[in-house]
C-alpha atoms as a PDB file:
ATOM      1  CA  UNK A   1      37.249 -23.645 -17.291  1.00  0.00           C
ATOM      2  CA  UNK A   2      34.706 -20.853 -17.811  1.00  0.00           C
ATOM      3  CA  UNK A   3      32.310 -19.861 -15.057  1.00  0.00           C
ATOM      4  CA  UNK A   4      29.330 -20.832 -17.255  1.00  0.00           C
ATOM      5  CA  UNK A   5      30.661 -24.374 -17.722  1.00  0.00           C
ATOM      6  CA  UNK A   6      31.291 -24.660 -13.996  1.00  0.00           C
ATOM      7  CA  UNK A   7      27.685 -23.606 -13.342  1.00  0.00           C
ATOM      8  CA  UNK A   8      26.437 -26.235 -15.801  1.00  0.00           C
ATOM      9  CA  UNK A   9      28.575 -28.888 -14.123  1.00  0.00           C
ATOM     10  CA  UNK A  10      27.113 -27.848 -10.770  1.00  0.00           C
ATOM     11  CA  UNK A  11      23.592 -28.281 -12.176  1.00  0.00           C
ATOM     12  CA  UNK A  12      24.444 -31.715 -13.573  1.00  0.00           C
ATOM     13  CA  UNK A  13      26.077 -32.772 -10.303  1.00  0.00           C
ATOM     14  CA  UNK A  14      23.004 -31.642  -8.351  1.00  0.00           C
ATOM     15  CA  UNK A  15      20.760 -33.550 -10.745  1.00  0.00           C
ATOM     16  CA  UNK A  16      22.781 -36.741 -10.287  1.00  0.00           C
ATOM     17  CA  UNK A  17      22.674 -36.394  -6.501  1.00  0.00           C
ATOM     18  CA  UNK A  18      18.928 -35.788  -6.596  1.00  0.00           C
ATOM     19  CA  UNK A  19      18.501 -38.798  -8.899  1.00  0.00           C
ATOM     20  CA  UNK A  20      20.422 -40.997  -6.481  1.00  0.00           C
ATOM     21  CA  UNK A  21      18.113 -40.007  -3.612  1.00  0.00           C
ATOM     22  CA  UNK A  22      15.004 -40.252  -5.801  1.00  0.00           C
ATOM     23  CA  UNK A  23      15.749 -43.746  -7.104  1.00  0.00           C
ATOM     24  CA  UNK A  24      16.744 -45.017  -3.645  1.00  0.00           C
ATOM     25  CA  UNK A  25      13.380 -43.771  -2.389  1.00  0.00           C
ATOM     26  CA  UNK A  26      11.552 -45.350  -5.332  1.00  0.00           C
ATOM     27  CA  UNK A  27      13.011 -48.761  -4.452  1.00  0.00           C
ATOM     28  CA  UNK A  28      11.199 -48.563  -1.114  1.00  0.00           C
ATOM     29  CA  UNK A  29       7.792 -47.687  -2.603  1.00  0.00           C
ATOM     30  CA  UNK A  30       5.601 -50.748  -3.043  1.00  0.00           C
ATOM     31  CA  UNK A  31       3.122 -49.381  -5.654  1.00  0.00           C
ATOM     32  CA  UNK A  32       2.606 -46.486  -8.056  1.00  0.00           C
ATOM     33  CA  UNK A  33       6.251 -45.736  -8.704  1.00  0.00           C
ATOM     34  CA  UNK A  34       6.109 -46.141 -12.499  1.00  0.00           C
ATOM     35  CA  UNK A  35       4.168 -42.895 -12.960  1.00  0.00           C
ATOM     36  CA  UNK A  36       6.490 -40.979 -10.615  1.00  0.00           C
ATOM     37  CA  UNK A  37       9.562 -42.337 -12.382  1.00  0.00           C
ATOM     38  CA  UNK A  38       8.110 -41.356 -15.770  1.00  0.00           C
ATOM     39  CA  UNK A  39       7.409 -37.803 -14.551  1.00  0.00           C
ATOM     40  CA  UNK A  40      10.881 -37.537 -13.006  1.00  0.00           C
ATOM     41  CA  UNK A  41      12.506 -38.775 -16.216  1.00  0.00           C
ATOM     42  CA  UNK A  42      10.521 -36.274 -18.310  1.00  0.00           C
ATOM     43  CA  UNK A  43      11.588 -33.438 -15.996  1.00  0.00           C
ATOM     44  CA  UNK A  44      15.253 -34.497 -16.198  1.00  0.00           C
ATOM     45  CA  UNK A  45      14.978 -34.683 -19.973  1.00  0.00           C
ATOM     46  CA  UNK A  46      13.623 -31.128 -20.130  1.00  0.00           C
ATOM     47  CA  UNK A  47      16.422 -29.865 -17.890  1.00  0.00           C
ATOM     48  CA  UNK A  48      19.045 -31.554 -20.041  1.00  0.00           C
ATOM     49  CA  UNK A  49      17.569 -29.949 -23.178  1.00  0.00           C
ATOM     50  CA  UNK A  50      17.839 -26.536 -21.500  1.00  0.00           C
ATOM     51  CA  UNK A  51      21.430 -27.222 -20.427  1.00  0.00           C
ATOM     52  CA  UNK A  52      22.288 -28.334 -23.963  1.00  0.00           C
ATOM     53  CA  UNK A  53      20.775 -25.194 -25.486  1.00  0.00           C
ATOM     54  CA  UNK A  54      22.570 -23.029 -22.950  1.00  0.00           C
ATOM     55  CA  UNK A  55      25.898 -24.664 -23.738  1.00  0.00           C
ATOM     56  CA  UNK A  56      25.391 -24.246 -27.499  1.00  0.00           C
ATOM     57  CA  UNK A  57      24.615 -20.537 -27.085  1.00  0.00           C
ATOM     58  CA  UNK A  58      21.009 -20.846 -28.261  1.00  0.00           C
ATOM     59  CA  UNK A  59      18.441 -18.585 -26.694  1.00  0.00           C
ATOM     60  CA  UNK A  60      16.365 -20.323 -24.063  1.00  0.00           C
ATOM     61  CA  UNK A  61      12.686 -19.454 -23.837  1.00  0.00           C
ATOM     62  CA  UNK A  62      10.551 -21.137 -21.222  1.00  0.00           C
ATOM     63  CA  UNK A  63       6.811 -21.460 -21.580  1.00  0.00           C
ATOM     64  CA  UNK A  64       4.730 -22.552 -18.637  1.00  0.00           C
ATOM     65  CA  UNK A  65       0.961 -22.987 -18.692  1.00  0.00           C
ATOM     66  CA  UNK A  66      -0.906 -21.036 -16.044  1.00  0.00           C
ATOM     67  CA  UNK A  67      -4.465 -22.067 -15.305  1.00  0.00           C
ATOM     68  CA  UNK A  68      -6.457 -18.902 -14.645  1.00  0.00           C
ATOM     69  CA  UNK A  69     -10.168 -18.681 -13.917  1.00  0.00           C
ATOM     70  CA  UNK A  70     -12.331 -17.377 -16.760  1.00  0.00           C
ATOM     71  CA  UNK A  71     -13.011 -14.067 -14.990  1.00  0.00           C
ATOM     72  CA  UNK A  72      -9.346 -13.346 -14.142  1.00  0.00           C
ATOM     73  CA  UNK A  73      -9.263 -10.093 -16.120  1.00  0.00           C
ATOM     74  CA  UNK A  74     -12.470  -8.591 -14.764  1.00  0.00           C
ATOM     75  CA  UNK A  75     -11.932  -5.587 -12.488  1.00  0.00           C
ATOM     76  CA  UNK A  76     -12.484  -6.156  -8.797  1.00  0.00           C
ATOM     77  CA  UNK A  77     -14.587  -3.517  -7.063  1.00  0.00           C
ATOM     78  CA  UNK A  78     -13.518  -2.985  -3.472  1.00  0.00           C
ATOM     79  CA  UNK A  79     -16.262  -1.474  -1.378  1.00  0.00           C
ATOM     80  CA  UNK A  80     -16.557  -0.849   2.343  1.00  0.00           C
ATOM     81  CA  UNK A  81     -18.937  -2.900   4.457  1.00  0.00           C
ATOM     82  CA  UNK A  82     -21.939  -1.260   6.115  1.00  0.00           C
ATOM     83  CA  UNK A  83     -20.127  -1.615   9.438  1.00  0.00           C
ATOM     84  CA  UNK A  84     -17.040   0.173   8.083  1.00  0.00           C
ATOM     85  CA  UNK A  85     -19.232   2.960   6.692  1.00  0.00           C
ATOM     86  CA  UNK A  86     -21.021   3.321  10.050  1.00  0.00           C
ATOM     87  CA  UNK A  87     -17.706   3.544  11.916  1.00  0.00           C
ATOM     88  CA  UNK A  88     -16.130   5.917   9.402  1.00  0.00           C
ATOM     89  CA  UNK A  89     -18.985   8.389   9.002  1.00  0.00           C
ATOM     90  CA  UNK A  90     -21.314  10.570  11.043  1.00  0.00           C
ATOM     91  CA  UNK A  91     -24.439  12.586  10.245  1.00  0.00           C
ATOM     92  CA  UNK A  92     -23.823  16.341  10.422  1.00  0.00           C
ATOM     93  CA  UNK A  93     -25.473  19.702   9.902  1.00  0.00           C
ATOM     94  CA  UNK A  94     -23.193  22.098   7.980  1.00  0.00           C
ATOM     95  CA  UNK A  95     -23.295  25.689   6.767  1.00  0.00           C
ATOM     96  CA  UNK A  96     -22.108  27.136   3.473  1.00  0.00           C
ATOM     97  CA  UNK A  97     -20.706  23.919   2.001  1.00  0.00           C
ATOM     98  CA  UNK A  98     -21.077  22.173  -1.332  1.00  0.00           C
ATOM     99  CA  UNK A  99     -21.284  18.422  -1.841  1.00  0.00           C
ATOM    100  CA  UNK A 100     -18.162  17.475  -3.781  1.00  0.00           C
ATOM    101  CA  UNK A 101     -20.018  14.676  -5.558  1.00  0.00           C
ATOM    102  CA  UNK A 102     -23.101  16.455  -6.964  1.00  0.00           C
ATOM    103  CA  UNK A 103     -21.859  20.050  -6.534  1.00  0.00           C
ATOM    104  CA  UNK A 104     -25.173  21.077  -4.918  1.00  0.00           C
ATOM    105  CA  UNK A 105     -25.570  23.103  -1.748  1.00  0.00           C
ATOM    106  CA  UNK A 106     -25.076  21.059   1.393  1.00  0.00           C
ATOM    107  CA  UNK A 107     -26.884  21.832   4.647  1.00  0.00           C
ATOM    108  CA  UNK A 108     -26.984  18.414   6.260  1.00  0.00           C
ATOM    109  CA  UNK A 109     -25.379  15.164   5.268  1.00  0.00           C
ATOM    110  CA  UNK A 110     -22.615  12.754   6.132  1.00  0.00           C
ATOM    111  CA  UNK A 111     -19.088  13.627   7.247  1.00  0.00           C
ATOM    112  CA  UNK A 112     -16.167  11.220   6.937  1.00  0.00           C
ATOM    113  CA  UNK A 113     -14.438  10.896  10.308  1.00  0.00           C
ATOM    114  CA  UNK A 114     -10.848  10.561   9.044  1.00  0.00           C
ATOM    115  CA  UNK A 115     -10.739  13.541   6.701  1.00  0.00           C
ATOM    116  CA  UNK A 116     -13.824  15.587   7.708  1.00  0.00           C
ATOM    117  CA  UNK A 117     -15.126  15.920   4.141  1.00  0.00           C
ATOM    118  CA  UNK A 118     -18.920  16.196   3.996  1.00  0.00           C
ATOM    119  CA  UNK A 119     -21.395  15.019   1.352  1.00  0.00           C
ATOM    120  CA  UNK A 120     -25.102  14.475   0.873  1.00  0.00           C
ATOM    121  CA  UNK A 121     -25.929  11.155   2.528  1.00  0.00           C
ATOM    122  CA  UNK A 122     -27.392   9.717  -0.681  1.00  0.00           C
ATOM    123  CA  UNK A 123     -24.407  10.870  -2.739  1.00  0.00           C
ATOM    124  CA  UNK A 124     -21.796   9.295  -0.460  1.00  0.00           C
ATOM    125  CA  UNK A 125     -23.824   6.074  -0.094  1.00  0.00           C
ATOM    126  CA  UNK A 126     -23.910   5.723  -3.861  1.00  0.00           C
ATOM    127  CA  UNK A 127     -20.186   6.547  -4.013  1.00  0.00           C
ATOM    128  CA  UNK A 128     -19.382   3.820  -1.477  1.00  0.00           C
ATOM    129  CA  UNK A 129     -21.170   1.266  -3.666  1.00  0.00           C
ATOM    130  CA  UNK A 130     -18.276   1.716  -6.135  1.00  0.00           C
ATOM    131  CA  UNK A 131     -15.313   2.800  -4.013  1.00  0.00           C
ATOM    132  CA  UNK A 132     -13.929   2.713  -0.496  1.00  0.00           C
ATOM    133  CA  UNK A 133     -12.086   6.045  -0.809  1.00  0.00           C
ATOM    134  CA  UNK A 134     -13.083   9.613  -0.058  1.00  0.00           C
ATOM    135  CA  UNK A 135     -13.940  11.275  -3.388  1.00  0.00           C
ATOM    136  CA  UNK A 136     -11.960  14.375  -2.398  1.00  0.00           C
ATOM    137  CA  UNK A 137      -8.735  13.193  -0.762  1.00  0.00           C
ATOM    138  CA  UNK A 138      -8.759   9.421  -1.524  1.00  0.00           C
ATOM    139  CA  UNK A 139      -8.583   8.553   2.195  1.00  0.00           C
ATOM    140  CA  UNK A 140      -9.672   4.929   2.749  1.00  0.00           C
ATOM    141  CA  UNK A 141     -12.973   4.781   4.666  1.00  0.00           C
ATOM    142  CA  UNK A 142     -12.073   1.307   5.917  1.00  0.00           C
ATOM    143  CA  UNK A 143      -9.244   2.632   8.071  1.00  0.00           C
ATOM    144  CA  UNK A 144     -10.399   4.856  10.886  1.00  0.00           C
ATOM    145  CA  UNK A 145      -8.233   7.309  12.786  1.00  0.00           C
ATOM    146  CA  UNK A 146      -8.462   4.997  15.810  1.00  0.00           C
ATOM    147  CA  UNK A 147      -6.909   2.025  13.934  1.00  0.00           C
END
């Protein structure tokens, strides 16, 4: 006997054992068993159709409905909280630096604690409204060096 046929027989045997337990349990239920039996029978019928198609060599394609919310494909913007920004940044005075966001001269601004990159305070605040990563090295502002 081929391995495929043995696998199918194992599936059928498991189904029969599960049916035995299911129907013994259904005998003990006082109400509402008709709907459960109908659902169980429909599931068994679908499994038997798949087994039949498998045995005949037909291609099996399963389709399952997935209920997704209407906005499932919209991008999710992950931004740091004000607390995370406060922990991950500090105000600094710098010399001879350029803000990597606006490319203007930088004399005082905000430095990121993890990576030490500095930016104009307004530039980095606007950046953090769209991202939680350093614009230079992509370091996550939400994880501090002390974590």
